Amino acid sequence: MCWKADTRPLRQTIDAILTQGSGAIASAADVWFFCALAERDPAAVERALVALGDNQCWSEGAIILSHSFSEGLLARMTKDEARARTAFEAARAQQDKIVQAQPDYGPALCVLGLIDAALGRKDLALDEGRRAIALMPLEKDVANGSRVLQYFAITAAWAGEKELALQQLETGLRAPVAALMVSYGYGALKLHPLWDPLRGDPRFEKIVQSLAPKL
């Protein structure tokens, strides 16, 4: 899916697992959730969330997004802003506890910034994202530093700062490990709703096209 921006092979695998019974998908529910988001299928997203139970919906290295955060994404997909805000507020309360316990841990603060952007707290979100980068620079940890840059790019996009978002995305893509990271792949950038605020921007579309597989 992430190489060719084609969800069909993954969807076929998921459908085959689902025929084995409701419990069979549990170990792959996070992948199902990611695929359903990419396909913009709210019914499948909701089913995947149920299959996940209380488990986190996805993680990329040190970046961990909670079940509540993912409920907020689903609510946004269905245009239910009240439900989205309730979910993101719950996610923020959970994430704030993590940050309070680890105040100098960049990835946790980065996620808090993303949640604050979802809640419309632009200045706070950007401040948290910048501090997260300072706490987890590429020079300190190239893999997780790249992820912090990526999610700060999303935070900036959600906060309406497109130029800043594109700068951070381009910086992250230049990191040595970027080519090995699913989240920086062609399919993720082309399909995932996290990047929707940048869609239609010529510079973003050029970045996405540059990552397309060469025939």
Protein backbone atom coordinates (compact mmCIF):
# COMPACT_ATOMS: atom_id res chain seq x y z
CA MET A 1 0.00 0.00 0.00
CA CYS A 2 2.69 2.48 0.97
CA TRP A 3 4.88 1.80 -2.05
CA LYS A 4 2.26 2.10 -4.82
CA ALA A 5 -0.56 3.89 -2.97
CA ASP A 6 -2.79 0.91 -3.75
CA THR A 7 -4.80 -0.45 -0.83
CA ARG A 8 -6.34 -3.37 -2.73
CA PRO A 9 -3.77 -6.09 -1.92
CA LEU A 10 -3.84 -5.19 1.77
CA ARG A 11 -7.63 -4.98 1.77
CA GLN A 12 -7.85 -8.45 0.20
CA THR A 13 -5.58 -9.85 2.92
CA ILE A 14 -7.66 -8.20 5.64
CA ASP A 15 -10.90 -9.49 4.13
CA ALA A 16 -9.45 -13.01 4.07
CA ILE A 17 -8.51 -12.74 7.76
CA LEU A 18 -11.98 -11.46 8.64
CA THR A 19 -13.57 -14.57 7.15
CA GLN A 20 -11.78 -16.61 9.83
CA GLY A 21 -13.87 -15.11 12.63
CA SER A 22 -14.07 -11.93 14.66
CA GLY A 23 -11.03 -12.73 16.80
CA ALA A 24 -8.69 -13.49 13.92
CA ILE A 25 -8.09 -9.84 13.04
CA ALA A 26 -7.03 -8.75 16.53
CA SER A 27 -3.29 -8.97 15.90
CA ALA A 28 -3.63 -7.01 12.65
CA ALA A 29 -6.32 -4.55 13.73
CA ASP A 30 -3.90 -1.62 13.68
CA VAL A 31 -3.03 -2.37 10.05
CA TRP A 32 -6.74 -2.66 9.24
CA PHE A 33 -7.31 0.72 10.89
CA PHE A 34 -4.54 2.35 8.83
CA CYS A 35 -5.88 0.80 5.62
CA ALA A 36 -9.47 1.86 6.37
CA LEU A 37 -8.34 5.44 7.00
CA ALA A 38 -6.47 5.46 3.70
CA GLU A 39 -9.60 4.19 1.94
CA ARG A 40 -11.79 6.81 3.68
CA ASP A 41 -14.12 4.03 4.84
CA PRO A 42 -15.65 5.16 8.17
CA ALA A 43 -17.54 1.91 8.72
CA ALA A 44 -14.32 -0.10 8.40
CA VAL A 45 -12.46 2.40 10.61
CA GLU A 46 -15.06 1.92 13.32
CA ARG A 47 -14.90 -1.86 13.05
CA ALA A 48 -11.11 -1.73 13.28
CA LEU A 49 -11.34 0.45 16.39
CA VAL A 50 -13.65 -2.10 18.00
CA ALA A 51 -11.21 -4.88 17.10
CA LEU A 52 -8.37 -2.90 18.69
CA GLY A 53 -10.18 -2.64 22.01
CA ASP A 54 -8.23 -0.37 24.36
CA ASN A 55 -4.95 -0.85 22.50
CA GLN A 56 -3.15 2.03 20.81
CA CYS A 57 -4.20 2.44 17.22
CA TRP A 58 -0.78 2.85 15.77
CA SER A 59 2.77 3.57 16.67
CA GLU A 60 5.80 4.58 14.66
CA GLY A 61 8.89 4.12 16.73
CA ALA A 62 8.52 6.47 19.68
CA ILE A 63 5.38 8.15 18.30
CA ILE A 64 2.32 6.50 19.84
CA LEU A 65 -1.24 7.58 19.04
CA SER A 66 -4.00 6.53 21.40
CA HIS A 67 -7.39 4.97 20.85
CA SER A 68 -9.05 8.26 21.82
CA PHE A 69 -7.02 10.15 19.23
CA SER A 70 -8.10 7.69 16.57
CA GLU A 71 -11.73 8.07 17.61
CA GLY A 72 -11.24 11.77 16.92
CA LEU A 73 -9.97 11.00 13.41
CA LEU A 74 -13.04 8.85 12.76
CA ALA A 75 -15.37 11.58 14.03
CA ARG A 76 -13.71 14.11 11.74
CA MET A 77 -14.13 11.74 8.84
CA THR A 78 -17.88 11.61 9.51
CA LYS A 79 -18.07 15.40 10.06
CA ASP A 80 -19.12 14.95 13.70
CA GLU A 81 -17.19 17.85 15.21
CA ALA A 82 -18.72 17.51 18.67
CA ARG A 83 -17.68 13.86 18.90
CA ALA A 84 -14.25 14.72 17.49
CA ARG A 85 -13.64 17.39 20.12
CA THR A 86 -14.71 15.06 22.93
CA ALA A 87 -12.34 12.37 21.64
CA PHE A 88 -9.41 14.76 21.20
CA GLU A 89 -9.98 16.24 24.67
CA ALA A 90 -9.84 12.72 26.11
CA ALA A 91 -6.68 12.03 24.10
CA ARG A 92 -5.13 15.25 25.39
CA ALA A 93 -5.84 14.38 29.02
CA GLN A 94 -4.17 11.00 28.52
CA GLN A 95 -1.19 12.46 26.67
CA ASP A 96 -0.70 15.25 29.19
CA LYS A 97 -0.19 12.65 31.92
CA ILE A 98 2.51 11.00 29.80
CA VAL A 99 4.24 14.33 29.23
CA GLN A 100 4.05 15.24 32.91
CA ALA A 101 5.77 11.95 33.73
CA GLN A 102 8.42 12.48 31.00
CA PRO A 103 8.70 16.27 30.54
CA ASP A 104 11.91 16.08 28.51
CA TYR A 105 10.81 13.31 26.15
CA GLY A 106 10.37 14.85 22.71
CA PRO A 107 8.10 12.27 21.03
CA ALA A 108 5.48 12.45 23.80
CA LEU A 109 5.45 16.25 23.62
CA CYS A 110 5.20 16.06 19.83
CA VAL A 111 2.01 13.99 20.10
CA LEU A 112 0.60 16.48 22.61
CA GLY A 113 1.24 19.23 20.07
CA LEU A 114 -0.58 17.28 17.37
CA ILE A 115 -3.59 16.87 19.66
CA ASP A 116 -3.58 20.57 20.52
CA ALA A 117 -3.56 21.37 16.81
CA ALA A 118 -6.60 19.13 16.41
CA LEU A 119 -8.28 21.13 19.17
CA GLY A 120 -7.51 24.43 17.46
CA ARG A 121 -4.86 25.54 19.95
CA LYS A 122 -2.48 26.74 17.26
CA ASP A 123 0.15 28.64 19.22
CA LEU A 124 0.39 26.04 21.96
CA ALA A 125 0.62 23.23 19.41
CA LEU A 126 3.45 24.92 17.52
CA ASP A 127 5.34 25.70 20.71
CA GLU A 128 5.06 22.07 21.83
CA GLY A 129 6.19 20.82 18.43
CA ARG A 130 9.23 23.08 18.35
CA ARG A 131 10.23 22.05 21.85
CA ALA A 132 9.80 18.39 20.87
CA ILE A 133 12.26 18.87 18.00
CA ALA A 134 14.73 20.54 20.36
CA LEU A 135 14.45 17.61 22.75
CA MET A 136 14.78 14.96 20.01
CA PRO A 137 16.97 16.38 17.23
CA LEU A 138 18.11 14.28 14.29
CA GLU A 139 21.66 14.43 15.63
CA LYS A 140 20.55 12.70 18.82
CA ASP A 141 18.32 10.00 17.32
CA VAL A 142 17.98 10.00 13.55
CA ALA A 143 15.01 7.60 13.40
CA ASN A 144 12.83 9.09 16.12
CA GLY A 145 14.07 12.59 15.34
CA SER A 146 12.75 12.07 11.80
CA ARG A 147 9.40 10.95 13.18
CA VAL A 148 9.16 14.01 15.41
CA LEU A 149 9.85 16.20 12.36
CA GLN A 150 7.17 14.37 10.41
CA TYR A 151 4.51 14.74 13.08
CA PHE A 152 5.45 18.37 13.64
CA ALA A 153 4.88 18.85 9.91
CA ILE A 154 1.39 17.40 10.37
CA THR A 155 0.86 19.59 13.44
CA ALA A 156 1.83 22.69 11.47
CA ALA A 157 -0.48 21.69 8.62
CA TRP A 158 -3.38 21.20 11.02
CA ALA A 159 -2.57 24.59 12.56
CA GLY A 160 -2.82 26.23 9.15
CA GLU A 161 0.93 26.87 8.79
CA LYS A 162 1.42 25.24 5.40
CA GLU A 163 4.83 26.75 4.65
CA LEU A 164 6.21 25.56 7.97
CA ALA A 165 4.64 22.14 7.42
CA LEU A 166 6.28 21.77 4.01
CA GLN A 167 9.66 22.88 5.36
CA GLN A 168 9.52 20.27 8.11
CA LEU A 169 8.35 17.57 5.72
CA GLU A 170 11.20 18.29 3.31
CA THR A 171 13.73 18.28 6.15
CA GLY A 172 12.43 14.95 7.41
CA LEU A 173 12.54 13.40 3.96
CA ARG A 174 16.23 14.27 3.68
CA ALA A 175 17.04 12.20 6.77
CA PRO A 176 19.05 9.02 6.00
CA VAL A 177 16.33 6.73 7.34
CA ALA A 178 13.38 8.40 5.60
CA ALA A 179 13.34 5.90 2.73
CA LEU A 180 12.88 3.06 5.24
CA MET A 181 9.97 4.65 7.10
CA VAL A 182 6.42 3.69 6.12
CA SER A 183 5.04 7.05 7.18
CA TYR A 184 7.28 8.88 4.69
CA GLY A 185 6.28 6.57 1.87
CA TYR A 186 4.44 7.52 -1.30
CA GLY A 187 1.25 5.74 -0.26
CA ALA A 188 1.09 7.29 3.20
CA LEU A 189 1.54 10.83 1.89
CA LYS A 190 -0.86 10.30 -0.99
CA LEU A 191 -3.66 8.54 0.88
CA HIS A 192 -3.57 9.20 4.61
CA PRO A 193 -6.02 11.83 5.92
CA LEU A 194 -3.41 13.19 8.33
CA TRP A 195 -1.96 15.07 5.35
CA ASP A 196 -5.28 16.40 4.01
CA PRO A 197 -4.66 20.07 4.90
CA LEU A 198 -1.78 20.10 2.40
CA ARG A 199 -3.61 18.43 -0.48
CA GLY A 200 -3.88 20.59 -3.55
CA ASP A 201 -0.81 22.62 -2.62
CA PRO A 202 1.52 22.41 -5.65
CA ARG A 203 4.63 22.01 -3.51
CA PHE A 204 3.10 19.16 -1.52
CA GLU A 205 1.83 17.44 -4.64
CA LYS A 206 5.32 17.72 -6.16
CA ILE A 207 6.82 16.08 -3.06
CA VAL A 208 4.29 13.26 -3.24
CA GLN A 209 4.91 12.71 -6.94
CA SER A 210 8.67 12.63 -6.37
CA LEU A 211 8.16 9.62 -4.10
CA ALA A 212 6.07 7.66 -6.61
CA PRO A 213 7.63 4.33 -7.66
CA LYS A 214 9.57 4.54 -10.88
CA LEU A 215 8.41 2.08 -13.51
